[in-house]
Amino acid sequence: MTTNEEQMFAGSDYLKRSQGLSSASFEAYLNYGYALLVIAGADGEVPAQEMNWLINHQRMVGAPEEAIEKYKTFDYKNAKLEDLLPKIKADVPSWSAPRTLLYHAIKMSQADQDYAKEEQEAVKKAAKLLGVEDDITSALNVLVDMEKKVESMLKALIQTETV
């Protein structure tokens, strides 16, 4: 199946609830994943844990399977973030794609339990390209760290992990 890149795809209930978005084009879903691969792959590789994070996340938000399949063969080592970013748009004009992308890039980059220096630098580079202030980027990093601690606390409370 070949998809029209401008065709809009409804987002999942999770996407609507967590980010307030209802739909995005195939091109937006595709390039969002590609941009995440470029950032997470800045250390030279996208290990299985990071790729699995991307695939699971994109399925959860309602990305078309055709886009998800393309992530698996995308040449992130030779792609330029600045070429991908302008193609990421959704149905809510006020949505901050730059901040959302950085947030997800941080989460994906940490999926292998190693937030490599190269990945951190790629997040900073992406932030500059996207016009996101340093304090917002720092706050997004802190938010991801806090979320990990909250998840750990939940596991301790339901007795599947100790703190």
N, C-alpha and C. Protein backbone atom coordinates (compact mmCIF):
# COMPACT_ATOMS: atom_id res chain seq x y z
N MET A 1 0.84 -1.18 0.00
CA MET A 1 0.00 0.00 0.00
C MET A 1 0.88 1.24 0.00
N THR A 2 0.62 2.14 -0.86
CA THR A 2 1.33 3.41 -0.88
C THR A 2 0.40 4.49 -0.35
N THR A 3 0.89 5.23 0.60
CA THR A 3 0.07 6.23 1.27
C THR A 3 0.37 7.61 0.73
N ASN A 4 -0.67 8.40 0.56
CA ASN A 4 -0.51 9.80 0.21
C ASN A 4 0.06 10.51 1.43
N GLU A 5 1.22 11.15 1.27
CA GLU A 5 1.90 11.77 2.40
C GLU A 5 1.08 12.87 3.06
N GLU A 6 0.15 13.48 2.34
CA GLU A 6 -0.67 14.55 2.89
C GLU A 6 -1.93 14.03 3.59
N GLN A 7 -2.25 12.75 3.37
CA GLN A 7 -3.44 12.17 3.97
C GLN A 7 -3.36 12.25 5.49
N MET A 8 -4.44 12.68 6.14
CA MET A 8 -4.47 12.79 7.59
C MET A 8 -4.89 11.46 8.20
N PHE A 9 -4.24 11.10 9.30
CA PHE A 9 -4.54 9.87 10.02
C PHE A 9 -4.97 10.25 11.44
N ALA A 10 -6.08 9.69 11.86
CA ALA A 10 -6.56 9.95 13.22
C ALA A 10 -5.55 9.41 14.22
N GLY A 11 -5.35 10.16 15.26
CA GLY A 11 -4.50 9.69 16.35
C GLY A 11 -5.29 8.78 17.27
N SER A 12 -4.60 8.11 18.13
CA SER A 12 -5.25 7.22 19.09
C SER A 12 -5.87 8.02 20.23
N ASP A 13 -6.66 7.34 21.04
CA ASP A 13 -7.22 7.97 22.23
C ASP A 13 -6.08 8.43 23.15
N TYR A 14 -5.01 7.64 23.22
CA TYR A 14 -3.86 8.02 24.04
C TYR A 14 -3.27 9.35 23.56
N LEU A 15 -3.11 9.50 22.25
CA LEU A 15 -2.56 10.75 21.70
C LEU A 15 -3.47 11.93 22.06
N LYS A 16 -4.75 11.72 21.92
CA LYS A 16 -5.70 12.78 22.23
C LYS A 16 -5.64 13.14 23.72
N ARG A 17 -5.60 12.13 24.57
CA ARG A 17 -5.59 12.36 26.01
C ARG A 17 -4.26 12.95 26.50
N SER A 18 -3.14 12.43 26.02
CA SER A 18 -1.84 12.83 26.56
C SER A 18 -1.29 14.11 25.93
N GLN A 19 -1.64 14.39 24.67
CA GLN A 19 -1.05 15.54 24.00
C GLN A 19 -2.07 16.48 23.38
N GLY A 20 -3.33 16.09 23.39
CA GLY A 20 -4.36 16.96 22.86
C GLY A 20 -4.40 17.03 21.34
N LEU A 21 -3.81 16.04 20.68
CA LEU A 21 -3.79 16.01 19.21
C LEU A 21 -4.79 14.98 18.71
N SER A 22 -5.43 15.27 17.58
CA SER A 22 -6.42 14.36 17.02
C SER A 22 -5.93 13.64 15.78
N SER A 23 -5.07 14.31 14.99
CA SER A 23 -4.61 13.70 13.75
C SER A 23 -3.32 14.35 13.27
N ALA A 24 -2.67 13.64 12.38
CA ALA A 24 -1.46 14.16 11.72
C ALA A 24 -1.35 13.48 10.36
N SER A 25 -0.58 14.08 9.49
CA SER A 25 -0.39 13.49 8.16
C SER A 25 0.59 12.33 8.25
N PHE A 26 0.54 11.49 7.23
CA PHE A 26 1.50 10.39 7.13
C PHE A 26 2.92 10.95 7.18
N GLU A 27 3.15 12.03 6.45
CA GLU A 27 4.48 12.65 6.41
C GLU A 27 4.93 13.10 7.81
N ALA A 28 4.01 13.62 8.61
CA ALA A 28 4.34 14.06 9.97
C ALA A 28 4.71 12.87 10.85
N TYR A 29 3.89 11.81 10.81
CA TYR A 29 4.21 10.61 11.59
C TYR A 29 5.57 10.05 11.16
N LEU A 30 5.78 9.96 9.86
CA LEU A 30 7.02 9.40 9.34
C LEU A 30 8.24 10.21 9.77
N ASN A 31 8.19 11.51 9.57
CA ASN A 31 9.33 12.36 9.88
C ASN A 31 9.55 12.56 11.37
N TYR A 32 8.49 12.45 12.16
CA TYR A 32 8.64 12.50 13.61
C TYR A 32 9.50 11.32 14.06
N GLY A 33 9.17 10.14 13.58
CA GLY A 33 9.97 8.95 13.90
C GLY A 33 11.39 9.06 13.37
N TYR A 34 11.54 9.55 12.15
CA TYR A 34 12.87 9.73 11.58
C TYR A 34 13.70 10.69 12.43
N ALA A 35 13.10 11.79 12.86
CA ALA A 35 13.83 12.77 13.68
C ALA A 35 14.26 12.13 15.00
N LEU A 36 13.38 11.34 15.59
CA LEU A 36 13.76 10.65 16.83
C LEU A 36 14.92 9.69 16.59
N LEU A 37 14.92 9.01 15.46
CA LEU A 37 16.03 8.11 15.13
C LEU A 37 17.35 8.86 14.96
N VAL A 38 17.30 10.01 14.33
CA VAL A 38 18.52 10.81 14.14
C VAL A 38 19.09 11.23 15.49
N ILE A 39 18.24 11.67 16.39
CA ILE A 39 18.71 12.12 17.71
C ILE A 39 19.20 10.94 18.53
N ALA A 40 18.39 9.90 18.64
CA ALA A 40 18.77 8.74 19.45
C ALA A 40 19.96 7.99 18.84
N GLY A 41 20.13 8.10 17.54
CA GLY A 41 21.25 7.43 16.86
C GLY A 41 22.51 8.27 16.78
N ALA A 42 22.52 9.40 17.45
CA ALA A 42 23.68 10.29 17.40
C ALA A 42 24.93 9.66 18.00
N ASP A 43 24.76 8.65 18.83
CA ASP A 43 25.92 7.95 19.40
C ASP A 43 26.40 6.83 18.48
N GLY A 44 25.86 6.78 17.26
CA GLY A 44 26.33 5.82 16.27
C GLY A 44 25.46 4.59 16.11
N GLU A 45 24.50 4.41 17.02
CA GLU A 45 23.63 3.24 16.91
C GLU A 45 22.27 3.52 17.54
N VAL A 46 21.30 2.76 17.09
CA VAL A 46 19.99 2.73 17.72
C VAL A 46 19.81 1.28 18.17
N PRO A 47 20.13 1.02 19.44
CA PRO A 47 20.00 -0.35 19.92
C PRO A 47 18.54 -0.82 19.92
N ALA A 48 18.37 -2.11 20.07
CA ALA A 48 17.03 -2.70 20.02
C ALA A 48 16.07 -2.05 21.00
N GLN A 49 16.55 -1.71 22.21
CA GLN A 49 15.65 -1.10 23.20
C GLN A 49 15.12 0.24 22.72
N GLU A 50 15.96 1.04 22.07
CA GLU A 50 15.52 2.34 21.56
C GLU A 50 14.58 2.17 20.38
N MET A 51 14.89 1.26 19.48
CA MET A 51 14.00 1.01 18.33
C MET A 51 12.66 0.48 18.82
N ASN A 52 12.67 -0.41 19.80
CA ASN A 52 11.42 -0.93 20.35
C ASN A 52 10.61 0.17 21.01
N TRP A 53 11.31 1.10 21.70
CA TRP A 53 10.60 2.23 22.30
C TRP A 53 9.88 3.02 21.21
N LEU A 54 10.60 3.33 20.13
CA LEU A 54 10.02 4.10 19.03
C LEU A 54 8.80 3.39 18.43
N ILE A 55 8.96 2.13 18.11
CA ILE A 55 7.87 1.37 17.48
C ILE A 55 6.66 1.31 18.41
N ASN A 56 6.89 0.99 19.68
CA ASN A 56 5.79 0.91 20.64
C ASN A 56 5.12 2.27 20.83
N HIS A 57 5.92 3.30 20.94
CA HIS A 57 5.36 4.64 21.13
C HIS A 57 4.51 5.05 19.92
N GLN A 58 5.05 4.86 18.73
CA GLN A 58 4.34 5.29 17.54
C GLN A 58 3.05 4.49 17.34
N ARG A 59 3.07 3.21 17.69
CA ARG A 59 1.84 2.43 17.64
C ARG A 59 0.83 2.96 18.65
N MET A 60 1.32 3.33 19.83
CA MET A 60 0.44 3.81 20.88
C MET A 60 -0.24 5.13 20.48
N VAL A 61 0.45 5.98 19.71
CA VAL A 61 -0.16 7.25 19.31
C VAL A 61 -0.99 7.13 18.03
N GLY A 62 -0.90 5.98 17.36
CA GLY A 62 -1.73 5.76 16.18
C GLY A 62 -1.04 5.95 14.84
N ALA A 63 0.30 5.92 14.83
CA ALA A 63 1.02 6.07 13.57
C ALA A 63 0.68 4.92 12.63
N PRO A 64 0.59 5.20 11.34
CA PRO A 64 0.31 4.13 10.37
C PRO A 64 1.43 3.08 10.35
N GLU A 65 1.04 1.83 10.22
CA GLU A 65 2.03 0.74 10.20
C GLU A 65 3.04 0.93 9.07
N GLU A 66 2.60 1.50 7.96
CA GLU A 66 3.52 1.73 6.83
C GLU A 66 4.67 2.65 7.26
N ALA A 67 4.38 3.66 8.05
CA ALA A 67 5.42 4.56 8.56
C ALA A 67 6.34 3.80 9.52
N ILE A 68 5.75 3.04 10.41
CA ILE A 68 6.52 2.29 11.41
C ILE A 68 7.48 1.32 10.72
N GLU A 69 7.04 0.67 9.67
CA GLU A 69 7.92 -0.26 8.94
C GLU A 69 9.11 0.49 8.34
N LYS A 70 8.91 1.71 7.89
CA LYS A 70 9.99 2.49 7.27
C LYS A 70 11.06 2.89 8.29
N TYR A 71 10.68 3.01 9.56
CA TYR A 71 11.66 3.36 10.59
C TYR A 71 12.78 2.32 10.65
N LYS A 72 12.41 1.06 10.43
CA LYS A 72 13.35 -0.05 10.58
C LYS A 72 14.49 -0.01 9.57
N THR A 73 14.29 0.65 8.44
CA THR A 73 15.32 0.68 7.40
C THR A 73 15.84 2.10 7.14
N PHE A 74 15.41 3.06 7.93
CA PHE A 74 15.81 4.45 7.72
C PHE A 74 17.30 4.65 8.01
N ASP A 75 17.98 5.37 7.13
CA ASP A 75 19.41 5.65 7.28
C ASP A 75 19.61 6.90 8.15
N TYR A 76 19.43 6.73 9.45
CA TYR A 76 19.51 7.86 10.39
C TYR A 76 20.91 8.46 10.49
N LYS A 77 21.93 7.67 10.15
CA LYS A 77 23.31 8.16 10.26
C LYS A 77 23.61 9.24 9.22
N ASN A 78 22.91 9.20 8.10
CA ASN A 78 23.16 10.17 7.02
C ASN A 78 22.04 11.18 6.84
N ALA A 79 21.07 11.15 7.73
CA ALA A 79 19.94 12.09 7.63
C ALA A 79 20.28 13.38 8.38
N LYS A 80 19.65 14.45 7.94
CA LYS A 80 19.85 15.75 8.59
C LYS A 80 18.56 16.15 9.29
N LEU A 81 18.69 16.41 10.57
CA LEU A 81 17.55 16.80 11.38
C LEU A 81 16.84 18.01 10.80
N GLU A 82 17.62 18.96 10.31
CA GLU A 82 17.03 20.19 9.78
C GLU A 82 16.16 19.95 8.54
N ASP A 83 16.38 18.83 7.84
CA ASP A 83 15.54 18.49 6.69
C ASP A 83 14.21 17.86 7.12
N LEU A 84 14.21 17.22 8.28
CA LEU A 84 13.03 16.49 8.75
C LEU A 84 12.06 17.37 9.52
N LEU A 85 12.60 18.29 10.29
CA LEU A 85 11.78 19.08 11.21
C LEU A 85 10.64 19.86 10.56
N PRO A 86 10.85 20.50 9.42
CA PRO A 86 9.74 21.29 8.84
C PRO A 86 8.54 20.44 8.40
N LYS A 87 8.72 19.13 8.31
CA LYS A 87 7.67 18.25 7.82
C LYS A 87 6.79 17.70 8.94
N ILE A 88 7.04 18.16 10.18
CA ILE A 88 6.30 17.63 11.34
C ILE A 88 5.25 18.65 11.78
N LYS A 89 4.01 18.35 11.45
CA LYS A 89 2.89 19.22 11.81
C LYS A 89 1.69 18.34 12.20
N ALA A 90 0.83 18.91 13.04
CA ALA A 90 -0.38 18.18 13.46
C ALA A 90 -1.58 19.08 13.32
N ASP A 91 -2.72 18.61 13.82
CA ASP A 91 -3.98 19.33 13.62
C ASP A 91 -4.24 20.45 14.62
N VAL A 92 -3.36 20.67 15.57
CA VAL A 92 -3.52 21.74 16.55
C VAL A 92 -2.43 22.77 16.32
N PRO A 93 -2.79 23.93 15.78
CA PRO A 93 -1.77 24.93 15.42
C PRO A 93 -0.90 25.38 16.59
N SER A 94 -1.43 25.37 17.81
CA SER A 94 -0.66 25.84 18.96
C SER A 94 0.27 24.76 19.53
N TRP A 95 0.17 23.52 19.04
CA TRP A 95 0.99 22.42 19.53
C TRP A 95 2.46 22.74 19.35
N SER A 96 3.24 22.50 20.39
CA SER A 96 4.68 22.72 20.31
C SER A 96 5.37 21.43 19.87
N ALA A 97 5.46 21.24 18.57
CA ALA A 97 6.16 20.07 18.04
C ALA A 97 7.61 20.03 18.53
N PRO A 98 8.32 21.16 18.56
CA PRO A 98 9.70 21.12 19.03
C PRO A 98 9.85 20.57 20.44
N ARG A 99 9.03 21.04 21.36
CA ARG A 99 9.14 20.58 22.75
C ARG A 99 8.75 19.11 22.87
N THR A 100 7.70 18.73 22.16
CA THR A 100 7.25 17.34 22.20
C THR A 100 8.30 16.41 21.64
N LEU A 101 8.91 16.81 20.53
CA LEU A 101 9.96 16.01 19.91
C LEU A 101 11.14 15.85 20.85
N LEU A 102 11.56 16.91 21.49
CA LEU A 102 12.68 16.83 22.43
C LEU A 102 12.35 15.90 23.60
N TYR A 103 11.15 16.04 24.13
CA TYR A 103 10.72 15.17 25.24
C TYR A 103 10.81 13.70 24.84
N HIS A 104 10.27 13.37 23.67
CA HIS A 104 10.30 11.98 23.22
C HIS A 104 11.71 11.53 22.86
N ALA A 105 12.52 12.42 22.34
CA ALA A 105 13.91 12.07 22.01
C ALA A 105 14.67 11.71 23.28
N ILE A 106 14.45 12.45 24.35
CA ILE A 106 15.11 12.14 25.62
C ILE A 106 14.66 10.78 26.12
N LYS A 107 13.35 10.53 26.08
CA LYS A 107 12.83 9.23 26.54
C LYS A 107 13.38 8.08 25.70
N MET A 108 13.36 8.25 24.38
CA MET A 108 13.85 7.19 23.49
C MET A 108 15.34 6.95 23.71
N SER A 109 16.11 8.02 23.86
CA SER A 109 17.56 7.90 24.03
C SER A 109 17.93 7.19 25.32
N GLN A 110 17.04 7.23 26.29
CA GLN A 110 17.31 6.57 27.57
C GLN A 110 16.73 5.16 27.65
N ALA A 111 16.07 4.71 26.60
CA ALA A 111 15.42 3.40 26.62
C ALA A 111 16.41 2.26 26.81
N ASP A 112 17.66 2.47 26.44
CA ASP A 112 18.69 1.44 26.62
C ASP A 112 19.45 1.64 27.94
N GLN A 113 18.92 2.49 28.82
CA GLN A 113 19.51 2.80 30.13
C GLN A 113 20.85 3.51 30.02
N ASP A 114 21.13 4.09 28.86
CA ASP A 114 22.39 4.82 28.65
C ASP A 114 22.09 6.07 27.83
N TYR A 115 22.01 7.20 28.49
CA TYR A 115 21.77 8.48 27.81
C TYR A 115 23.15 9.03 27.45
N ALA A 116 23.67 8.53 26.32
CA ALA A 116 25.05 8.83 25.90
C ALA A 116 25.27 10.33 25.68
N LYS A 117 26.50 10.74 25.90
CA LYS A 117 26.88 12.15 25.72
C LYS A 117 26.51 12.62 24.31
N GLU A 118 26.72 11.78 23.30
CA GLU A 118 26.39 12.16 21.93
C GLU A 118 24.88 12.38 21.76
N GLU A 119 24.09 11.56 22.46
CA GLU A 119 22.64 11.73 22.41
C GLU A 119 22.23 13.03 23.10
N GLN A 120 22.85 13.33 24.22
CA GLN A 120 22.56 14.58 24.93
C GLN A 120 22.92 15.78 24.06
N GLU A 121 24.05 15.69 23.36
CA GLU A 121 24.46 16.78 22.46
C GLU A 121 23.49 16.91 21.29
N ALA A 122 23.01 15.77 20.79
CA ALA A 122 22.05 15.80 19.69
C ALA A 122 20.73 16.44 20.14
N VAL A 123 20.33 16.19 21.38
CA VAL A 123 19.12 16.83 21.91
C VAL A 123 19.34 18.34 21.98
N LYS A 124 20.51 18.76 22.44
CA LYS A 124 20.82 20.19 22.52
C LYS A 124 20.85 20.82 21.12
N LYS A 125 21.43 20.10 20.15
CA LYS A 125 21.48 20.60 18.77
C LYS A 125 20.05 20.73 18.22
N ALA A 126 19.25 19.70 18.47
CA ALA A 126 17.86 19.74 18.01
C ALA A 126 17.13 20.91 18.65
N ALA A 127 17.37 21.14 19.93
CA ALA A 127 16.73 22.25 20.62
C ALA A 127 17.09 23.59 19.97
N LYS A 128 18.35 23.75 19.63
CA LYS A 128 18.79 24.99 18.97
C LYS A 128 18.11 25.13 17.60
N LEU A 129 18.12 24.05 16.82
CA LEU A 129 17.48 24.08 15.51
C LEU A 129 15.99 24.40 15.61
N LEU A 130 15.37 23.92 16.68
CA LEU A 130 13.94 24.08 16.88
C LEU A 130 13.57 25.39 17.58
N GLY A 131 14.58 26.10 18.05
CA GLY A 131 14.32 27.35 18.75
C GLY A 131 13.80 27.15 20.17
N VAL A 132 14.13 26.03 20.77
CA VAL A 132 13.71 25.75 22.15
C VAL A 132 14.81 26.25 23.09
N GLU A 133 14.39 27.05 24.07
CA GLU A 133 15.33 27.64 25.02
C GLU A 133 16.01 26.57 25.87
N ASP A 134 17.22 26.89 26.34
CA ASP A 134 17.99 25.96 27.16
C ASP A 134 17.24 25.56 28.43
N ASP A 135 16.53 26.52 29.07
CA ASP A 135 15.84 26.19 30.31
C ASP A 135 14.68 25.21 30.06
N ILE A 136 14.05 25.30 28.91
CA ILE A 136 12.97 24.36 28.57
C ILE A 136 13.56 22.97 28.33
N THR A 137 14.69 22.92 27.63
CA THR A 137 15.36 21.64 27.38
C THR A 137 15.77 21.00 28.70
N SER A 138 16.33 21.79 29.60
CA SER A 138 16.71 21.28 30.93
C SER A 138 15.48 20.77 31.68
N ALA A 139 14.39 21.53 31.62
CA ALA A 139 13.16 21.12 32.30
C ALA A 139 12.62 19.81 31.73
N LEU A 140 12.72 19.61 30.42
CA LEU A 140 12.27 18.36 29.81
C LEU A 140 13.12 17.19 30.30
N ASN A 141 14.42 17.40 30.43
CA ASN A 141 15.31 16.35 30.96
C ASN A 141 14.93 16.01 32.40
N VAL A 142 14.67 17.01 33.21
CA VAL A 142 14.26 16.79 34.60
C VAL A 142 12.93 16.06 34.65
N LEU A 143 11.99 16.44 33.78
CA LEU A 143 10.68 15.78 33.74
C LEU A 143 10.83 14.29 33.46
N VAL A 144 11.66 13.94 32.49
CA VAL A 144 11.87 12.52 32.17
C VAL A 144 12.46 11.79 33.37
N ASP A 145 13.42 12.42 34.06
CA ASP A 145 14.00 11.80 35.26
C ASP A 145 12.93 11.61 36.34
N MET A 146 12.08 12.61 36.53
CA MET A 146 11.01 12.51 37.52
C MET A 146 10.04 11.38 37.17
N GLU A 147 9.70 11.26 35.90
CA GLU A 147 8.78 10.20 35.47
C GLU A 147 9.37 8.82 35.78
N LYS A 148 10.67 8.66 35.58
CA LYS A 148 11.31 7.38 35.90
C LYS A 148 11.21 7.08 37.39
N LYS A 149 11.38 8.10 38.22
CA LYS A 149 11.28 7.92 39.67
C LYS A 149 9.85 7.58 40.08
N VAL A 150 8.87 8.21 39.46
CA VAL A 150 7.47 7.92 39.77
C VAL A 150 7.13 6.48 39.36
N GLU A 151 7.62 6.05 38.20
CA GLU A 151 7.39 4.66 37.77
C GLU A 151 8.00 3.68 38.76
N SER A 152 9.19 4.00 39.24
CA SER A 152 9.87 3.16 40.21
C SER A 152 9.08 3.11 41.52
N MET A 153 8.53 4.24 41.94
CA MET A 153 7.73 4.29 43.15
C MET A 153 6.48 3.44 43.00
N LEU A 154 5.82 3.52 41.85
CA LEU A 154 4.64 2.71 41.61
C LEU A 154 4.98 1.23 41.72
N LYS A 155 6.08 0.83 41.10
CA LYS A 155 6.48 -0.58 41.16
C LYS A 155 6.75 -1.02 42.59
N ALA A 156 7.31 -0.13 43.40
CA ALA A 156 7.53 -0.45 44.81
C ALA A 156 6.20 -0.59 45.54
N LEU A 157 5.27 0.30 45.26
CA LEU A 157 3.96 0.27 45.93
C LEU A 157 3.16 -0.97 45.56
N ILE A 158 3.27 -1.43 44.33
CA ILE A 158 2.52 -2.63 43.94
C ILE A 158 3.37 -3.89 44.06
N GLN A 159 4.53 -3.71 44.69
CA GLN A 159 5.43 -4.80 45.07
C GLN A 159 5.96 -5.61 43.89
N THR A 160 6.31 -4.90 42.82
CA THR A 160 6.99 -5.58 41.71
C THR A 160 8.46 -5.16 41.61
N GLU A 161 8.84 -4.22 42.47
CA GLU A 161 10.23 -3.74 42.49
C GLU A 161 10.44 -3.07 43.84
N THR A 162 11.68 -3.10 44.35
CA THR A 162 11.97 -2.37 45.57
C THR A 162 12.64 -1.05 45.22
N VAL A 163 12.41 -0.06 46.08
CA VAL A 163 12.96 1.28 45.83
C VAL A 163 14.43 1.29 46.15
